[in-house]
Amino acid sequence: MKAFKEILEGTKIFNRKKIRGISVSVAKKGSKYEAKVDGDILDTFDSEQDAWEAIGNFMDNYKGS
């Protein structure tokens, strides 16, 4: 089911995962893909594969609080 925020912004969430207890997802907005970590936008990318690689690199370096 789509979240209200997704409907409002017109984004399409491709895949949601939990890595080490932190929710991550890739959303398509226009012709770009947004990598999101815990609801915050990490960056925008040209391909879905690049977005997942960036999330993986971020999570490898993430220490947590």
N, C-alpha and C. Protein backbone atom coordinates (compact mmCIF):
# COMPACT_ATOMS: atom_id res chain seq x y z
N MET A 1 0.84 -1.17 0.00
CA MET A 1 0.00 0.00 0.00
C MET A 1 0.90 1.24 0.00
N LYS A 2 0.49 2.25 -0.74
CA LYS A 2 1.25 3.49 -0.79
C LYS A 2 1.00 4.31 0.46
N ALA A 3 2.04 4.97 0.92
CA ALA A 3 1.91 5.89 2.04
C ALA A 3 1.35 7.21 1.51
N PHE A 4 0.73 7.97 2.38
CA PHE A 4 0.16 9.26 1.98
C PHE A 4 1.21 10.17 1.38
N LYS A 5 2.41 10.17 1.97
CA LYS A 5 3.49 11.02 1.48
C LYS A 5 3.89 10.66 0.05
N GLU A 6 3.89 9.36 -0.28
CA GLU A 6 4.21 8.92 -1.63
C GLU A 6 3.18 9.43 -2.63
N ILE A 7 1.91 9.38 -2.27
CA ILE A 7 0.85 9.85 -3.15
C ILE A 7 0.97 11.35 -3.35
N LEU A 8 1.23 12.06 -2.28
CA LEU A 8 1.34 13.51 -2.33
C LEU A 8 2.50 13.96 -3.20
N GLU A 9 3.66 13.31 -3.07
CA GLU A 9 4.85 13.71 -3.81
C GLU A 9 4.92 13.08 -5.20
N GLY A 10 4.14 12.06 -5.47
CA GLY A 10 4.18 11.40 -6.77
C GLY A 10 5.41 10.53 -6.96
N THR A 11 5.97 9.99 -5.88
CA THR A 11 7.13 9.12 -5.98
C THR A 11 6.69 7.67 -5.97
N LYS A 12 7.53 6.81 -6.47
CA LYS A 12 7.26 5.38 -6.46
C LYS A 12 8.40 4.69 -5.73
N ILE A 13 8.09 4.04 -4.63
CA ILE A 13 9.08 3.31 -3.85
C ILE A 13 9.30 1.97 -4.53
N PHE A 14 10.55 1.68 -4.90
CA PHE A 14 10.85 0.42 -5.56
C PHE A 14 11.02 -0.71 -4.56
N ASN A 15 11.81 -0.48 -3.56
CA ASN A 15 12.12 -1.56 -2.64
C ASN A 15 12.44 -0.97 -1.29
N ARG A 16 11.90 -1.58 -0.26
CA ARG A 16 12.23 -1.18 1.11
C ARG A 16 12.91 -2.35 1.78
N LYS A 17 13.96 -2.05 2.52
CA LYS A 17 14.68 -3.09 3.26
C LYS A 17 15.03 -2.54 4.63
N LYS A 18 15.43 -3.44 5.49
CA LYS A 18 16.02 -3.05 6.77
C LYS A 18 17.42 -3.60 6.82
N ILE A 19 18.38 -2.73 6.99
CA ILE A 19 19.78 -3.12 7.12
C ILE A 19 20.22 -2.71 8.51
N ARG A 20 20.62 -3.71 9.31
CA ARG A 20 21.01 -3.49 10.71
C ARG A 20 19.96 -2.70 11.48
N GLY A 21 18.68 -2.98 11.19
CA GLY A 21 17.59 -2.34 11.92
C GLY A 21 17.22 -0.95 11.43
N ILE A 22 17.85 -0.48 10.38
CA ILE A 22 17.57 0.85 9.84
C ILE A 22 16.88 0.67 8.49
N SER A 23 15.74 1.34 8.31
CA SER A 23 15.00 1.18 7.06
C SER A 23 15.65 2.00 5.95
N VAL A 24 15.83 1.36 4.81
CA VAL A 24 16.40 2.01 3.62
C VAL A 24 15.48 1.72 2.44
N SER A 25 15.46 2.64 1.46
CA SER A 25 14.63 2.44 0.29
C SER A 25 15.17 3.24 -0.89
N VAL A 26 14.72 2.87 -2.08
CA VAL A 26 15.03 3.60 -3.29
C VAL A 26 13.70 4.01 -3.91
N ALA A 27 13.55 5.30 -4.19
CA ALA A 27 12.32 5.82 -4.77
C ALA A 27 12.62 6.49 -6.09
N LYS A 28 11.70 6.35 -7.03
CA LYS A 28 11.87 7.01 -8.33
C LYS A 28 11.07 8.30 -8.31
N LYS A 29 11.74 9.38 -8.65
CA LYS A 29 11.08 10.68 -8.72
C LYS A 29 11.48 11.30 -10.04
N GLY A 30 10.55 11.33 -10.98
CA GLY A 30 10.86 11.80 -12.32
C GLY A 30 11.74 10.78 -13.02
N SER A 31 12.87 11.23 -13.54
CA SER A 31 13.80 10.30 -14.20
C SER A 31 14.97 9.93 -13.30
N LYS A 32 14.95 10.38 -12.05
CA LYS A 32 16.04 10.12 -11.10
C LYS A 32 15.58 9.16 -10.01
N TYR A 33 16.54 8.58 -9.31
CA TYR A 33 16.28 7.67 -8.20
C TYR A 33 16.84 8.27 -6.93
N GLU A 34 16.04 8.30 -5.87
CA GLU A 34 16.46 8.84 -4.58
C GLU A 34 16.78 7.70 -3.63
N ALA A 35 17.96 7.75 -3.05
CA ALA A 35 18.34 6.78 -2.02
C ALA A 35 17.94 7.38 -0.67
N LYS A 36 17.14 6.63 0.08
CA LYS A 36 16.68 7.12 1.38
C LYS A 36 17.14 6.19 2.48
N VAL A 37 17.66 6.79 3.54
CA VAL A 37 18.10 6.04 4.72
C VAL A 37 17.33 6.59 5.91
N ASP A 38 16.55 5.76 6.53
CA ASP A 38 15.74 6.13 7.69
C ASP A 38 14.84 7.33 7.39
N GLY A 39 14.33 7.38 6.16
CA GLY A 39 13.41 8.46 5.77
C GLY A 39 14.08 9.71 5.26
N ASP A 40 15.39 9.83 5.39
CA ASP A 40 16.12 10.99 4.91
C ASP A 40 16.74 10.69 3.55
N ILE A 41 16.69 11.66 2.65
CA ILE A 41 17.25 11.47 1.32
C ILE A 41 18.76 11.56 1.39
N LEU A 42 19.42 10.48 0.95
CA LEU A 42 20.88 10.45 0.93
C LEU A 42 21.40 11.21 -0.27
N ASP A 43 20.87 10.92 -1.47
CA ASP A 43 21.28 11.59 -2.69
C ASP A 43 20.37 11.14 -3.82
N THR A 44 20.50 11.76 -5.00
CA THR A 44 19.76 11.32 -6.18
C THR A 44 20.74 10.75 -7.19
N PHE A 45 20.29 9.73 -7.92
CA PHE A 45 21.16 9.01 -8.85
C PHE A 45 20.44 8.78 -10.17
N ASP A 46 21.23 8.45 -11.20
CA ASP A 46 20.68 8.20 -12.53
C ASP A 46 20.10 6.79 -12.66
N SER A 47 20.59 5.84 -11.86
CA SER A 47 20.08 4.47 -11.96
C SER A 47 19.79 3.91 -10.56
N GLU A 48 18.91 2.92 -10.55
CA GLU A 48 18.56 2.27 -9.29
C GLU A 48 19.76 1.54 -8.70
N GLN A 49 20.56 0.93 -9.55
CA GLN A 49 21.75 0.19 -9.10
C GLN A 49 22.73 1.12 -8.39
N ASP A 50 22.94 2.32 -8.93
CA ASP A 50 23.84 3.29 -8.28
C ASP A 50 23.31 3.70 -6.91
N ALA A 51 22.00 3.84 -6.81
CA ALA A 51 21.40 4.22 -5.53
C ALA A 51 21.62 3.14 -4.48
N TRP A 52 21.43 1.85 -4.85
CA TRP A 52 21.64 0.76 -3.89
C TRP A 52 23.11 0.65 -3.50
N GLU A 53 24.02 0.88 -4.44
CA GLU A 53 25.45 0.85 -4.12
C GLU A 53 25.81 1.95 -3.12
N ALA A 54 25.23 3.14 -3.30
CA ALA A 54 25.49 4.25 -2.37
C ALA A 54 24.95 3.94 -0.98
N ILE A 55 23.77 3.32 -0.92
CA ILE A 55 23.21 2.94 0.38
C ILE A 55 24.12 1.91 1.05
N GLY A 56 24.62 0.95 0.28
CA GLY A 56 25.53 -0.06 0.84
C GLY A 56 26.81 0.57 1.36
N ASN A 57 27.38 1.50 0.60
CA ASN A 57 28.59 2.18 1.05
C ASN A 57 28.34 3.00 2.30
N PHE A 58 27.19 3.68 2.35
CA PHE A 58 26.85 4.48 3.51
C PHE A 58 26.70 3.60 4.75
N MET A 59 26.00 2.48 4.60
CA MET A 59 25.78 1.60 5.74
C MET A 59 27.08 0.92 6.20
N ASP A 60 28.03 0.69 5.30
CA ASP A 60 29.31 0.13 5.71
C ASP A 60 30.08 1.11 6.59
N ASN A 61 29.92 2.41 6.34
CA ASN A 61 30.64 3.43 7.09
C ASN A 61 29.84 4.00 8.26
N TYR A 62 28.58 3.65 8.37
CA TYR A 62 27.71 4.17 9.41
C TYR A 62 28.03 3.53 10.76
N LYS A 63 28.28 4.34 11.73
CA LYS A 63 28.61 3.83 13.07
C LYS A 63 27.39 3.76 13.98
N GLY A 64 26.38 4.60 13.74
CA GLY A 64 25.21 4.63 14.60
C GLY A 64 25.42 5.61 15.73
N SER A 65 24.35 5.80 16.47
CA SER A 65 24.47 6.76 17.58
C SER A 65 24.44 6.07 18.92
